[in-house]
Amino acid sequence: MTRVEANRHQYKKLSALNWLFCILCAAAVVALIFTLWFTGIKVADDGMSPALYKGDVILFDKLSKHISHPQRGEAYAFSTEGTSIGRIAALPGDKVALKDGRVYIDGRLLKEINVSESTWELEEFTVPDSTFLILPDDRTGSMPDKAALLIPFDALIGRAAIRVAPIGMTTIFVS
């Protein structure tokens, strides 16, 4: 074997190892991102329609709740008895009431979009510390127990970030 042939052989071997290393690094970065930063959740019901429908797959940003305090109007996944999705209606310390299906915060009507008409009623109460009032957008069914709507900070999984399925309906929820 000539020196040129030996160099070509060595070059091909190193080039293949370089590609393998790059692929492994990329796989590690993707695994890290989807372990620490995002989680994909398939919507199990139509509780958030028309924003989200049963079968949609949404990526939720798990770091968002630690970087910035959850805000009213943001869609969050949470885990109490299974995984659910809802929209934050009230923050810790807010005085909340539901009258004729409308949400009142500190006596003022909360402006909500894409929320179904309902007859849900709740007497005014104060949202406890480190707890959020999370409501579905579709409120046509019977109202759950108030305790099921009060979600502790620790139960929040993450804020809705990107709809990845169905493919033609890709949506970015945060800017």
Foldseek 3Di string as FASTA:
>chain_A
DDPVVVVVVVVVVVVVVVVVVVVVVVVVVVVCCCVQFWDKDAACAQLAPPVDHHGWIFIFTQCVCVVDPDDAQFWFWFDDPHIHIFGFHFAAFWWWWAAQNFIATPNHTDDDPQADGDHDTDDTDGQHPQWTQTGGSYPHDDDDDSVVRIGGNVGTRGTTAWTPPPPVPIDGDDD
